[in-house]
Amino acid sequence: MSKKVSITLDDEVLSFIDQRSTNRSSFINEVLWQEKRRIFLAELAAAYAEQASDSGFQDDVADWDATAGDGIEAHA
């Protein structure tokens, strides 16, 4: 879904957009999607780093790994 919005851009920014695209909305949307993805990936990396440094969490993962690999086969 899309929403039409009105924004105010600096003249230099608008000139930059117009030099790179004939469709302002598409260009701005693409830049914002890239920024959204960049922020998401940075937050994900931080969460993984936090998990990796959390010894309690790592102990829990090791317990689950041992349980999952205990040799009991699932029956269909």
N, C-alpha and C. Protein backbone atom coordinates (compact mmCIF):
# COMPACT_ATOMS: atom_id res chain seq x y z
N MET A 1 0.84 -1.17 0.00
CA MET A 1 0.00 0.00 0.00
C MET A 1 0.89 1.24 0.00
N SER A 2 0.46 2.24 -0.69
CA SER A 2 1.20 3.49 -0.76
C SER A 2 0.33 4.63 -0.25
N LYS A 3 0.99 5.62 0.30
CA LYS A 3 0.31 6.83 0.77
C LYS A 3 0.96 8.02 0.10
N LYS A 4 0.15 8.95 -0.31
CA LYS A 4 0.67 10.18 -0.88
C LYS A 4 0.93 11.13 0.28
N VAL A 5 2.16 11.67 0.33
CA VAL A 5 2.53 12.61 1.38
C VAL A 5 3.19 13.84 0.76
N SER A 6 3.18 14.89 1.50
CA SER A 6 3.84 16.11 1.06
C SER A 6 5.05 16.32 1.96
N ILE A 7 6.22 16.51 1.33
CA ILE A 7 7.44 16.74 2.10
C ILE A 7 8.16 17.96 1.55
N THR A 8 9.01 18.53 2.35
CA THR A 8 9.82 19.66 1.93
C THR A 8 11.27 19.20 1.85
N LEU A 9 11.89 19.43 0.69
CA LEU A 9 13.27 19.04 0.48
C LEU A 9 14.12 20.27 0.22
N ASP A 10 15.34 20.20 0.68
CA ASP A 10 16.32 21.23 0.39
C ASP A 10 16.55 21.29 -1.12
N ASP A 11 16.77 22.47 -1.65
CA ASP A 11 16.97 22.63 -3.10
C ASP A 11 18.11 21.75 -3.62
N GLU A 12 19.19 21.67 -2.87
CA GLU A 12 20.34 20.86 -3.29
C GLU A 12 19.99 19.37 -3.31
N VAL A 13 19.21 18.93 -2.35
CA VAL A 13 18.78 17.53 -2.30
C VAL A 13 17.86 17.23 -3.49
N LEU A 14 16.94 18.12 -3.77
CA LEU A 14 16.03 17.92 -4.89
C LEU A 14 16.80 17.87 -6.21
N SER A 15 17.77 18.73 -6.35
CA SER A 15 18.61 18.71 -7.56
C SER A 15 19.35 17.37 -7.68
N PHE A 16 19.87 16.88 -6.57
CA PHE A 16 20.55 15.59 -6.55
C PHE A 16 19.61 14.49 -7.02
N ILE A 17 18.39 14.47 -6.51
CA ILE A 17 17.40 13.46 -6.90
C ILE A 17 17.10 13.56 -8.39
N ASP A 18 16.88 14.77 -8.86
CA ASP A 18 16.52 14.96 -10.26
C ASP A 18 17.65 14.58 -11.21
N GLN A 19 18.89 14.68 -10.75
CA GLN A 19 20.03 14.28 -11.58
C GLN A 19 20.11 12.77 -11.72
N ARG A 20 19.55 12.04 -10.78
CA ARG A 20 19.70 10.59 -10.76
C ARG A 20 18.45 9.81 -11.15
N SER A 21 17.34 10.51 -11.25
CA SER A 21 16.12 9.78 -11.56
C SER A 21 15.09 10.69 -12.20
N THR A 22 14.26 10.08 -13.03
CA THR A 22 13.14 10.83 -13.60
C THR A 22 11.89 10.65 -12.76
N ASN A 23 11.96 9.74 -11.79
CA ASN A 23 10.82 9.49 -10.91
C ASN A 23 11.25 9.73 -9.47
N ARG A 24 10.91 10.88 -8.95
CA ARG A 24 11.32 11.26 -7.60
C ARG A 24 10.82 10.28 -6.55
N SER A 25 9.58 9.90 -6.63
CA SER A 25 9.00 8.99 -5.63
C SER A 25 9.73 7.66 -5.61
N SER A 26 9.99 7.10 -6.77
CA SER A 26 10.70 5.82 -6.83
C SER A 26 12.10 5.94 -6.24
N PHE A 27 12.79 7.03 -6.57
CA PHE A 27 14.14 7.23 -6.06
C PHE A 27 14.14 7.34 -4.54
N ILE A 28 13.25 8.18 -4.01
CA ILE A 28 13.19 8.37 -2.56
C ILE A 28 12.78 7.07 -1.87
N ASN A 29 11.81 6.36 -2.43
CA ASN A 29 11.41 5.07 -1.85
C ASN A 29 12.57 4.09 -1.82
N GLU A 30 13.34 4.02 -2.91
CA GLU A 30 14.46 3.08 -2.97
C GLU A 30 15.53 3.44 -1.93
N VAL A 31 15.84 4.72 -1.80
CA VAL A 31 16.83 5.15 -0.81
C VAL A 31 16.35 4.80 0.60
N LEU A 32 15.09 5.04 0.88
CA LEU A 32 14.56 4.75 2.23
C LEU A 32 14.48 3.25 2.49
N TRP A 33 14.15 2.44 1.48
CA TRP A 33 14.16 0.98 1.66
C TRP A 33 15.57 0.49 1.96
N GLN A 34 16.57 1.05 1.27
CA GLN A 34 17.95 0.66 1.52
C GLN A 34 18.36 1.03 2.95
N GLU A 35 17.95 2.21 3.39
CA GLU A 35 18.27 2.63 4.76
C GLU A 35 17.56 1.74 5.78
N LYS A 36 16.32 1.41 5.52
CA LYS A 36 15.57 0.53 6.42
C LYS A 36 16.27 -0.83 6.52
N ARG A 37 16.71 -1.36 5.39
CA ARG A 37 17.41 -2.65 5.37
C ARG A 37 18.74 -2.55 6.12
N ARG A 38 19.48 -1.45 5.91
CA ARG A 38 20.76 -1.25 6.58
C ARG A 38 20.57 -1.23 8.10
N ILE A 39 19.56 -0.53 8.57
CA ILE A 39 19.29 -0.45 10.01
C ILE A 39 18.89 -1.83 10.55
N PHE A 40 18.03 -2.54 9.83
CA PHE A 40 17.62 -3.88 10.25
C PHE A 40 18.81 -4.81 10.38
N LEU A 41 19.69 -4.80 9.36
CA LEU A 41 20.85 -5.69 9.40
C LEU A 41 21.82 -5.31 10.52
N ALA A 42 21.95 -4.02 10.81
CA ALA A 42 22.81 -3.59 11.92
C ALA A 42 22.22 -4.04 13.25
N GLU A 43 20.92 -3.93 13.41
CA GLU A 43 20.26 -4.39 14.63
C GLU A 43 20.36 -5.90 14.77
N LEU A 44 20.23 -6.62 13.67
CA LEU A 44 20.34 -8.08 13.69
C LEU A 44 21.76 -8.49 14.08
N ALA A 45 22.76 -7.84 13.50
CA ALA A 45 24.15 -8.14 13.84
C ALA A 45 24.41 -7.88 15.32
N ALA A 46 23.86 -6.79 15.85
CA ALA A 46 24.03 -6.49 17.27
C ALA A 46 23.37 -7.55 18.15
N ALA A 47 22.20 -8.02 17.73
CA ALA A 47 21.51 -9.07 18.50
C ALA A 47 22.31 -10.37 18.48
N TYR A 48 22.86 -10.73 17.31
CA TYR A 48 23.70 -11.93 17.24
C TYR A 48 24.94 -11.79 18.10
N ALA A 49 25.55 -10.61 18.09
CA ALA A 49 26.74 -10.38 18.92
C ALA A 49 26.38 -10.50 20.40
N GLU A 50 25.22 -9.99 20.77
CA GLU A 50 24.78 -10.10 22.16
C GLU A 50 24.55 -11.56 22.54
N GLN A 51 23.92 -12.32 21.66
CA GLN A 51 23.72 -13.75 21.92
C GLN A 51 25.05 -14.47 22.08
N ALA A 52 25.99 -14.15 21.20
CA ALA A 52 27.28 -14.84 21.22
C ALA A 52 28.05 -14.57 22.51
N SER A 53 27.82 -13.42 23.11
CA SER A 53 28.55 -13.08 24.34
C SER A 53 27.77 -13.43 25.61
N ASP A 54 26.58 -13.97 25.45
CA ASP A 54 25.73 -14.34 26.59
C ASP A 54 25.97 -15.82 26.93
N SER A 55 26.78 -16.06 27.97
CA SER A 55 27.14 -17.45 28.30
C SER A 55 25.93 -18.27 28.74
N GLY A 56 24.99 -17.65 29.41
CA GLY A 56 23.78 -18.37 29.81
C GLY A 56 22.99 -18.84 28.61
N PHE A 57 22.86 -17.97 27.61
CA PHE A 57 22.16 -18.34 26.38
C PHE A 57 22.91 -19.46 25.67
N GLN A 58 24.24 -19.34 25.61
CA GLN A 58 25.04 -20.37 24.95
C GLN A 58 24.91 -21.72 25.66
N ASP A 59 24.82 -21.72 27.00
CA ASP A 59 24.60 -22.95 27.75
C ASP A 59 23.25 -23.57 27.39
N ASP A 60 22.22 -22.71 27.28
CA ASP A 60 20.89 -23.21 26.89
C ASP A 60 20.91 -23.83 25.50
N VAL A 61 21.60 -23.18 24.57
CA VAL A 61 21.70 -23.71 23.20
C VAL A 61 22.40 -25.07 23.22
N ALA A 62 23.46 -25.17 24.00
CA ALA A 62 24.19 -26.45 24.09
C ALA A 62 23.28 -27.54 24.66
N ASP A 63 22.47 -27.20 25.66
CA ASP A 63 21.53 -28.18 26.22
C ASP A 63 20.52 -28.63 25.17
N TRP A 64 19.98 -27.69 24.41
CA TRP A 64 19.02 -28.04 23.36
C TRP A 64 19.69 -28.86 22.27
N ASP A 65 20.91 -28.52 21.91
CA ASP A 65 21.62 -29.29 20.89
C ASP A 65 21.82 -30.74 21.36
N ALA A 66 22.15 -30.91 22.63
CA ALA A 66 22.35 -32.26 23.17
C ALA A 66 21.02 -33.02 23.17
N THR A 67 19.94 -32.32 23.51
CA THR A 67 18.62 -32.95 23.55
C THR A 67 18.17 -33.33 22.14
N ALA A 68 18.37 -32.43 21.20
CA ALA A 68 17.93 -32.68 19.83
C ALA A 68 18.72 -33.81 19.19
N GLY A 69 19.94 -34.00 19.62
CA GLY A 69 20.77 -35.04 19.03
C GLY A 69 20.94 -36.25 19.93
N ASP A 70 19.93 -36.54 20.75
CA ASP A 70 20.07 -37.63 21.71
C ASP A 70 19.86 -39.02 21.12
N GLY A 71 19.60 -39.08 19.82
CA GLY A 71 19.49 -40.37 19.16
C GLY A 71 18.09 -40.93 19.09
N ILE A 72 17.13 -40.28 19.67
CA ILE A 72 15.74 -40.75 19.57
C ILE A 72 15.20 -40.29 18.24
N GLU A 73 14.77 -41.24 17.44
CA GLU A 73 14.24 -40.90 16.12
C GLU A 73 12.76 -40.57 16.23
N ALA A 74 12.34 -39.59 15.48
CA ALA A 74 10.93 -39.21 15.44
C ALA A 74 10.15 -40.29 14.71
N HIS A 75 8.98 -40.61 15.22
CA HIS A 75 8.12 -41.61 14.58
C HIS A 75 7.04 -40.90 13.79
N ALA A 76 6.82 -41.37 12.57
CA ALA A 76 5.84 -40.75 11.70
C ALA A 76 4.44 -41.20 12.02
